[in-house]
Amino acid sequence: MTQTQVKQILASTLNLGPRADALTLSSPLLGAIPELDSMAVVGIITALEEHFGFTVYDDEISAESFETLGNLVAFVERKLNG
């Protein structure tokens, strides 16, 4: 469930269109999706905060969290589980 929601947020924020359908948990994000730059990361974090109702603090954000879709989903699940 979380994976689907995170994928939808990525697709919407980055305007990936049908390319988003091919994303799996092992799909690389940073460096692999040209639309995913530093400004897009801020937009994705904001969208995740609004959608899931949590707050992401600056010291929680790392490149590792955006390395793959699976890492990003794991980050969101950690936030949701406190």
PDB file of N, CA and C in Angstrom:
ATOM      1  N   MET A   1       0.829  -1.197   0.000  1.00  0.00           N
ATOM      2  CA  MET A   1       0.000   0.000   0.000  1.00  0.00           C
ATOM      3  C   MET A   1       0.874   1.262   0.000  1.00  0.00           C
ATOM      4  N   THR A   2       1.833   1.310   0.944  1.00  0.00           N
ATOM      5  CA  THR A   2       2.719   2.471   1.005  1.00  0.00           C
ATOM      6  C   THR A   2       3.497   2.617  -0.286  1.00  0.00           C
ATOM      7  N   GLN A   3       3.968   1.491  -0.842  1.00  0.00           N
ATOM      8  CA  GLN A   3       4.735   1.532  -2.084  1.00  0.00           C
ATOM      9  C   GLN A   3       3.925   2.191  -3.195  1.00  0.00           C
ATOM     10  N   THR A   4       2.680   1.821  -3.327  1.00  0.00           N
ATOM     11  CA  THR A   4       1.825   2.380  -4.366  1.00  0.00           C
ATOM     12  C   THR A   4       1.635   3.874  -4.168  1.00  0.00           C
ATOM     13  N   GLN A   5       1.415   4.287  -2.937  1.00  0.00           N
ATOM     14  CA  GLN A   5       1.208   5.710  -2.655  1.00  0.00           C
ATOM     15  C   GLN A   5       2.473   6.519  -2.919  1.00  0.00           C
ATOM     16  N   VAL A   6       3.615   6.001  -2.495  1.00  0.00           N
ATOM     17  CA  VAL A   6       4.878   6.704  -2.727  1.00  0.00           C
ATOM     18  C   VAL A   6       5.164   6.786  -4.229  1.00  0.00           C
ATOM     19  N   LYS A   7       4.906   5.706  -4.944  1.00  0.00           N
ATOM     20  CA  LYS A   7       5.112   5.708  -6.403  1.00  0.00           C
ATOM     21  C   LYS A   7       4.202   6.747  -7.068  1.00  0.00           C
ATOM     22  N   GLN A   8       2.954   6.830  -6.620  1.00  0.00           N
ATOM     23  CA  GLN A   8       2.023   7.814  -7.188  1.00  0.00           C
ATOM     24  C   GLN A   8       2.490   9.241  -6.910  1.00  0.00           C
ATOM     25  N   ILE A   9       3.012   9.479  -5.715  1.00  0.00           N
ATOM     26  CA  ILE A   9       3.516  10.811  -5.372  1.00  0.00           C
ATOM     27  C   ILE A   9       4.727  11.153  -6.245  1.00  0.00           C
ATOM     28  N   LEU A  10       5.636  10.201  -6.421  1.00  0.00           N
ATOM     29  CA  LEU A  10       6.783  10.419  -7.313  1.00  0.00           C
ATOM     30  C   LEU A  10       6.309  10.729  -8.726  1.00  0.00           C
ATOM     31  N   ALA A  11       5.406   9.925  -9.237  1.00  0.00           N
ATOM     32  CA  ALA A  11       4.910  10.090 -10.604  1.00  0.00           C
ATOM     33  C   ALA A  11       4.274  11.460 -10.788  1.00  0.00           C
ATOM     34  N   SER A  12       3.475  11.853  -9.815  1.00  0.00           N
ATOM     35  CA  SER A  12       2.779  13.129  -9.904  1.00  0.00           C
ATOM     36  C   SER A  12       3.741  14.310  -9.766  1.00  0.00           C
ATOM     37  N   THR A  13       4.610  14.251  -8.765  1.00  0.00           N
ATOM     38  CA  THR A  13       5.527  15.363  -8.498  1.00  0.00           C
ATOM     39  C   THR A  13       6.529  15.558  -9.625  1.00  0.00           C
ATOM     40  N   LEU A  14       7.000  14.451 -10.194  1.00  0.00           N
ATOM     41  CA  LEU A  14       8.010  14.521 -11.247  1.00  0.00           C
ATOM     42  C   LEU A  14       7.423  14.471 -12.656  1.00  0.00           C
ATOM     43  N   ASN A  15       6.098  14.360 -12.750  1.00  0.00           N
ATOM     44  CA  ASN A  15       5.432  14.252 -14.052  1.00  0.00           C
ATOM     45  C   ASN A  15       6.033  13.116 -14.888  1.00  0.00           C
ATOM     46  N   LEU A  16       6.114  11.939 -14.293  1.00  0.00           N
ATOM     47  CA  LEU A  16       6.742  10.801 -14.966  1.00  0.00           C
ATOM     48  C   LEU A  16       5.838  10.117 -15.981  1.00  0.00           C
ATOM     49  N   GLY A  17       4.545  10.308 -15.842  1.00  0.00           N
ATOM     50  CA  GLY A  17       3.628   9.664 -16.770  1.00  0.00           C
ATOM     51  C   GLY A  17       3.750   8.154 -16.719  1.00  0.00           C
ATOM     52  N   PRO A  18       3.668   7.484 -17.876  1.00  0.00           N
ATOM     53  CA  PRO A  18       3.701   6.017 -17.900  1.00  0.00           C
ATOM     54  C   PRO A  18       5.036   5.417 -17.441  1.00  0.00           C
ATOM     55  N   ARG A  19       6.113   6.211 -17.422  1.00  0.00           N
ATOM     56  CA  ARG A  19       7.403   5.681 -16.948  1.00  0.00           C
ATOM     57  C   ARG A  19       7.297   5.212 -15.500  1.00  0.00           C
ATOM     58  N   ALA A  20       6.395   5.795 -14.724  1.00  0.00           N
ATOM     59  CA  ALA A  20       6.251   5.425 -13.317  1.00  0.00           C
ATOM     60  C   ALA A  20       5.789   3.982 -13.155  1.00  0.00           C
ATOM     61  N   ASP A  21       5.054   3.470 -14.122  1.00  0.00           N
ATOM     62  CA  ASP A  21       4.542   2.102 -14.036  1.00  0.00           C
ATOM     63  C   ASP A  21       5.670   1.080 -13.940  1.00  0.00           C
ATOM     64  N   ALA A  22       6.822   1.401 -14.486  1.00  0.00           N
ATOM     65  CA  ALA A  22       7.945   0.464 -14.506  1.00  0.00           C
ATOM     66  C   ALA A  22       8.757   0.482 -13.211  1.00  0.00           C
ATOM     67  N   LEU A  23       8.476   1.425 -12.315  1.00  0.00           N
ATOM     68  CA  LEU A  23       9.247   1.521 -11.077  1.00  0.00           C
ATOM     69  C   LEU A  23       8.957   0.349 -10.144  1.00  0.00           C
ATOM     70  N   THR A  24      10.027  -0.272  -9.671  1.00  0.00           N
ATOM     71  CA  THR A  24       9.928  -1.336  -8.672  1.00  0.00           C
ATOM     72  C   THR A  24      10.714  -0.897  -7.440  1.00  0.00           C
ATOM     73  N   LEU A  25      10.655  -1.686  -6.378  1.00  0.00           N
ATOM     74  CA  LEU A  25      11.374  -1.331  -5.159  1.00  0.00           C
ATOM     75  C   LEU A  25      12.875  -1.184  -5.400  1.00  0.00           C
ATOM     76  N   SER A  26      13.414  -1.914  -6.363  1.00  0.00           N
ATOM     77  CA  SER A  26      14.852  -1.840  -6.629  1.00  0.00           C
ATOM     78  C   SER A  26      15.219  -0.778  -7.666  1.00  0.00           C
ATOM     79  N   SER A  27      14.233  -0.071  -8.187  1.00  0.00           N
ATOM     80  CA  SER A  27      14.511   0.957  -9.193  1.00  0.00           C
ATOM     81  C   SER A  27      15.325   2.103  -8.600  1.00  0.00           C
ATOM     82  N   PRO A  28      16.445   2.453  -9.252  1.00  0.00           N
ATOM     83  CA  PRO A  28      17.224   3.593  -8.775  1.00  0.00           C
ATOM     84  C   PRO A  28      16.473   4.899  -9.042  1.00  0.00           C
ATOM     85  N   LEU A  29      16.617   5.841  -8.122  1.00  0.00           N
ATOM     86  CA  LEU A  29      15.959   7.140  -8.278  1.00  0.00           C
ATOM     87  C   LEU A  29      16.999   8.226  -8.547  1.00  0.00           C
ATOM     88  N   LEU A  30      17.764   8.600  -7.510  1.00  0.00           N
ATOM     89  CA  LEU A  30      18.768   9.657  -7.675  1.00  0.00           C
ATOM     90  C   LEU A  30      19.783   9.255  -8.731  1.00  0.00           C
ATOM     91  N   GLY A  31      19.985  10.122  -9.694  1.00  0.00           N
ATOM     92  CA  GLY A  31      20.945   9.845 -10.756  1.00  0.00           C
ATOM     93  C   GLY A  31      20.367   9.058 -11.911  1.00  0.00           C
ATOM     94  N   ALA A  32      19.214   8.445 -11.705  1.00  0.00           N
ATOM     95  CA  ALA A  32      18.610   7.638 -12.767  1.00  0.00           C
ATOM     96  C   ALA A  32      17.401   8.328 -13.398  1.00  0.00           C
ATOM     97  N   ILE A  33      16.766   9.192 -12.639  1.00  0.00           N
ATOM     98  CA  ILE A  33      15.603   9.925 -13.153  1.00  0.00           C
ATOM     99  C   ILE A  33      16.011  11.393 -13.283  1.00  0.00           C
ATOM    100  N   PRO A  34      16.167  11.881 -14.520  1.00  0.00           N
ATOM    101  CA  PRO A  34      16.661  13.254 -14.720  1.00  0.00           C
ATOM    102  C   PRO A  34      15.826  14.312 -14.003  1.00  0.00           C
ATOM    103  N   GLU A  35      14.534  14.067 -13.875  1.00  0.00           N
ATOM    104  CA  GLU A  35      13.661  15.051 -13.225  1.00  0.00           C
ATOM    105  C   GLU A  35      13.912  15.167 -11.724  1.00  0.00           C
ATOM    106  N   LEU A  36      14.589  14.169 -11.153  1.00  0.00           N
ATOM    107  CA  LEU A  36      14.803  14.146  -9.706  1.00  0.00           C
ATOM    108  C   LEU A  36      16.078  14.907  -9.352  1.00  0.00           C
ATOM    109  N   ASP A  37      15.940  16.228  -9.248  1.00  0.00           N
ATOM    110  CA  ASP A  37      17.048  17.073  -8.826  1.00  0.00           C
ATOM    111  C   ASP A  37      16.774  17.573  -7.411  1.00  0.00           C
ATOM    112  N   SER A  38      17.625  18.456  -6.904  1.00  0.00           N
ATOM    113  CA  SER A  38      17.480  18.897  -5.513  1.00  0.00           C
ATOM    114  C   SER A  38      16.154  19.605  -5.263  1.00  0.00           C
ATOM    115  N   MET A  39      15.682  20.371  -6.233  1.00  0.00           N
ATOM    116  CA  MET A  39      14.393  21.047  -6.053  1.00  0.00           C
ATOM    117  C   MET A  39      13.248  20.038  -6.058  1.00  0.00           C
ATOM    118  N   ALA A  40      13.364  19.016  -6.873  1.00  0.00           N
ATOM    119  CA  ALA A  40      12.332  17.982  -6.921  1.00  0.00           C
ATOM    120  C   ALA A  40      12.286  17.206  -5.609  1.00  0.00           C
ATOM    121  N   VAL A  41      13.453  16.985  -4.985  1.00  0.00           N
ATOM    122  CA  VAL A  41      13.493  16.294  -3.687  1.00  0.00           C
ATOM    123  C   VAL A  41      12.668  17.071  -2.671  1.00  0.00           C
ATOM    124  N   VAL A  42      12.821  18.386  -2.654  1.00  0.00           N
ATOM    125  CA  VAL A  42      12.046  19.229  -1.736  1.00  0.00           C
ATOM    126  C   VAL A  42      10.556  19.072  -2.018  1.00  0.00           C
ATOM    127  N   GLY A  43      10.183  19.062  -3.279  1.00  0.00           N
ATOM    128  CA  GLY A  43       8.783  18.893  -3.652  1.00  0.00           C
ATOM    129  C   GLY A  43       8.228  17.540  -3.238  1.00  0.00           C
ATOM    130  N   ILE A  44       9.038  16.505  -3.395  1.00  0.00           N
ATOM    131  CA  ILE A  44       8.601  15.158  -3.009  1.00  0.00           C
ATOM    132  C   ILE A  44       8.433  15.070  -1.500  1.00  0.00           C
ATOM    133  N   ILE A  45       9.387  15.628  -0.765  1.00  0.00           N
ATOM    134  CA  ILE A  45       9.278  15.602   0.697  1.00  0.00           C
ATOM    135  C   ILE A  45       8.023  16.331   1.149  1.00  0.00           C
ATOM    136  N   THR A  46       7.758  17.480   0.562  1.00  0.00           N
ATOM    137  CA  THR A  46       6.548  18.240   0.904  1.00  0.00           C
ATOM    138  C   THR A  46       5.296  17.432   0.585  1.00  0.00           C
ATOM    139  N   ALA A  47       5.274  16.798  -0.574  1.00  0.00           N
ATOM    140  CA  ALA A  47       4.113  15.986  -0.965  1.00  0.00           C
ATOM    141  C   ALA A  47       3.926  14.803  -0.018  1.00  0.00           C
ATOM    142  N   LEU A  48       5.033  14.155   0.386  1.00  0.00           N
ATOM    143  CA  LEU A  48       4.945  13.040   1.336  1.00  0.00           C
ATOM    144  C   LEU A  48       4.415  13.516   2.681  1.00  0.00           C
ATOM    145  N   GLU A  49       4.905  14.661   3.141  1.00  0.00           N
ATOM    146  CA  GLU A  49       4.434  15.219   4.418  1.00  0.00           C
ATOM    147  C   GLU A  49       2.932  15.491   4.371  1.00  0.00           C
ATOM    148  N   GLU A  50       2.486  16.108   3.293  1.00  0.00           N
ATOM    149  CA  GLU A  50       1.065  16.443   3.164  1.00  0.00           C
ATOM    150  C   GLU A  50       0.207  15.185   3.053  1.00  0.00           C
ATOM    151  N   HIS A  51       0.660  14.218   2.279  1.00  0.00           N
ATOM    152  CA  HIS A  51      -0.127  13.005   2.044  1.00  0.00           C
ATOM    153  C   HIS A  51      -0.213  12.128   3.294  1.00  0.00           C
ATOM    154  N   PHE A  52       0.931  11.930   3.954  1.00  0.00           N
ATOM    155  CA  PHE A  52       0.974  10.994   5.079  1.00  0.00           C
ATOM    156  C   PHE A  52       0.812  11.669   6.441  1.00  0.00           C
ATOM    157  N   GLY A  53       0.904  12.997   6.491  1.00  0.00           N
ATOM    158  CA  GLY A  53       0.672  13.708   7.743  1.00  0.00           C
ATOM    159  C   GLY A  53       1.812  13.652   8.744  1.00  0.00           C
ATOM    160  N   PHE A  54       3.046  13.529   8.263  1.00  0.00           N
ATOM    161  CA  PHE A  54       4.195  13.584   9.159  1.00  0.00           C
ATOM    162  C   PHE A  54       5.094  14.745   8.761  1.00  0.00           C
ATOM    163  N   THR A  55       6.088  15.017   9.591  1.00  0.00           N
ATOM    164  CA  THR A  55       7.047  16.075   9.315  1.00  0.00           C
ATOM    165  C   THR A  55       8.420  15.455   9.115  1.00  0.00           C
ATOM    166  N   VAL A  56       9.111  15.893   8.074  1.00  0.00           N
ATOM    167  CA  VAL A  56      10.470  15.439   7.806  1.00  0.00           C
ATOM    168  C   VAL A  56      11.412  16.582   8.183  1.00  0.00           C
ATOM    169  N   TYR A  57      12.331  16.287   9.082  1.00  0.00           N
ATOM    170  CA  TYR A  57      13.301  17.287   9.524  1.00  0.00           C
ATOM    171  C   TYR A  57      14.556  17.203   8.657  1.00  0.00           C
ATOM    172  N   ASP A  58      15.243  18.329   8.525  1.00  0.00           N
ATOM    173  CA  ASP A  58      16.416  18.404   7.650  1.00  0.00           C
ATOM    174  C   ASP A  58      17.430  17.308   7.927  1.00  0.00           C
ATOM    175  N   ASP A  59      17.651  16.982   9.210  1.00  0.00           N
ATOM    176  CA  ASP A  59      18.678  15.993   9.539  1.00  0.00           C
ATOM    177  C   ASP A  59      18.244  14.558   9.231  1.00  0.00           C
ATOM    178  N   GLU A  60      16.991  14.374   8.814  1.00  0.00           N
ATOM    179  CA  GLU A  60      16.496  13.044   8.446  1.00  0.00           C
ATOM    180  C   GLU A  60      16.677  12.745   6.963  1.00  0.00           C
ATOM    181  N   ILE A  61      16.966  13.755   6.192  1.00  0.00           N
ATOM    182  CA  ILE A  61      17.041  13.618   4.739  1.00  0.00           C
ATOM    183  C   ILE A  61      18.464  13.220   4.339  1.00  0.00           C
ATOM    184  N   SER A  62      18.551  12.139   3.578  1.00  0.00           N
ATOM    185  CA  SER A  62      19.860  11.719   3.076  1.00  0.00           C
ATOM    186  C   SER A  62      19.709  11.232   1.642  1.00  0.00           C
ATOM    187  N   ALA A  63      20.819  11.231   0.937  1.00  0.00           N
ATOM    188  CA  ALA A  63      20.806  10.707  -0.435  1.00  0.00           C
ATOM    189  C   ALA A  63      20.410   9.239  -0.433  1.00  0.00           C
ATOM    190  N   GLU A  64      20.780   8.516   0.626  1.00  0.00           N
ATOM    191  CA  GLU A  64      20.453   7.095   0.708  1.00  0.00           C
ATOM    192  C   GLU A  64      18.940   6.869   0.664  1.00  0.00           C
ATOM    193  N   SER A  65      18.180   7.771   1.284  1.00  0.00           N
ATOM    194  CA  SER A  65      16.720   7.633   1.292  1.00  0.00           C
ATOM    195  C   SER A  65      16.136   7.722  -0.114  1.00  0.00           C
ATOM    196  N   PHE A  66      16.832   8.422  -0.999  1.00  0.00           N
ATOM    197  CA  PHE A  66      16.349   8.610  -2.367  1.00  0.00           C
ATOM    198  C   PHE A  66      17.132   7.761  -3.370  1.00  0.00           C
ATOM    199  N   GLU A  67      17.909   6.799  -2.879  1.00  0.00           N
ATOM    200  CA  GLU A  67      18.715   5.962  -3.762  1.00  0.00           C
ATOM    201  C   GLU A  67      17.842   5.058  -4.632  1.00  0.00           C
ATOM    202  N   THR A  68      16.836   4.414  -4.013  1.00  0.00           N
ATOM    203  CA  THR A  68      15.914   3.548  -4.750  1.00  0.00           C
ATOM    204  C   THR A  68      14.495   3.814  -4.259  1.00  0.00           C
ATOM    205  N   LEU A  69      13.533   3.323  -5.013  1.00  0.00           N
ATOM    206  CA  LEU A  69      12.146   3.436  -4.573  1.00  0.00           C
ATOM    207  C   LEU A  69      11.967   2.693  -3.248  1.00  0.00           C
ATOM    208  N   GLY A  70      12.606   1.547  -3.117  1.00  0.00           N
ATOM    209  CA  GLY A  70      12.512   0.774  -1.879  1.00  0.00           C
ATOM    210  C   GLY A  70      13.031   1.542  -0.676  1.00  0.00           C
ATOM    211  N   ASN A  71      14.142   2.248  -0.846  1.00  0.00           N
ATOM    212  CA  ASN A  71      14.683   3.056   0.250  1.00  0.00           C
ATOM    213  C   ASN A  71      13.711   4.162   0.639  1.00  0.00           C
ATOM    214  N   LEU A  72      13.094   4.778  -0.350  1.00  0.00           N
ATOM    215  CA  LEU A  72      12.151   5.857  -0.065  1.00  0.00           C
ATOM    216  C   LEU A  72      10.910   5.315   0.633  1.00  0.00           C
ATOM    217  N   VAL A  73      10.422   4.170   0.191  1.00  0.00           N
ATOM    218  CA  VAL A  73       9.273   3.536   0.842  1.00  0.00           C
ATOM    219  C   VAL A  73       9.632   3.176   2.281  1.00  0.00           C
ATOM    220  N   ALA A  74      10.823   2.643   2.518  1.00  0.00           N
ATOM    221  CA  ALA A  74      11.266   2.282   3.867  1.00  0.00           C
ATOM    222  C   ALA A  74      11.343   3.526   4.747  1.00  0.00           C
ATOM    223  N   PHE A  75      11.829   4.644   4.186  1.00  0.00           N
ATOM    224  CA  PHE A  75      11.890   5.895   4.926  1.00  0.00           C
ATOM    225  C   PHE A  75      10.493   6.329   5.359  1.00  0.00           C
ATOM    226  N   VAL A  76       9.540   6.294   4.424  1.00  0.00           N
ATOM    227  CA  VAL A  76       8.161   6.689   4.736  1.00  0.00           C
ATOM    228  C   VAL A  76       7.589   5.759   5.807  1.00  0.00           C
ATOM    229  N   GLU A  77       7.822   4.460   5.694  1.00  0.00           N
ATOM    230  CA  GLU A  77       7.289   3.517   6.683  1.00  0.00           C
ATOM    231  C   GLU A  77       7.885   3.758   8.062  1.00  0.00           C
ATOM    232  N   ARG A  78       9.176   4.102   8.129  1.00  0.00           N
ATOM    233  CA  ARG A  78       9.785   4.443   9.423  1.00  0.00           C
ATOM    234  C   ARG A  78       9.123   5.669  10.018  1.00  0.00           C
ATOM    235  N   LYS A  79       8.851   6.667   9.183  1.00  0.00           N
ATOM    236  CA  LYS A  79       8.177   7.882   9.655  1.00  0.00           C
ATOM    237  C   LYS A  79       6.766   7.564  10.162  1.00  0.00           C
ATOM    238  N   LEU A  80       6.066   6.716   9.447  1.00  0.00           N
ATOM    239  CA  LEU A  80       4.692   6.379   9.829  1.00  0.00           C
ATOM    240  C   LEU A  80       4.634   5.569  11.128  1.00  0.00           C
ATOM    241  N   ASN A  81       5.661   4.763  11.355  1.00  0.00           N
ATOM    242  CA  ASN A  81       5.682   3.895  12.536  1.00  0.00           C
ATOM    243  C   ASN A  81       6.362   4.525  13.726  1.00  0.00           C
ATOM    244  N   GLY A  82       6.719   5.799  13.565  1.00  0.00           N
ATOM    245  CA  GLY A  82       7.253   6.567  14.678  1.00  0.00           C
ATOM    246  C   GLY A  82       8.661   6.320  15.004  1.00  0.00           C
TER     247      GLY A  82
END
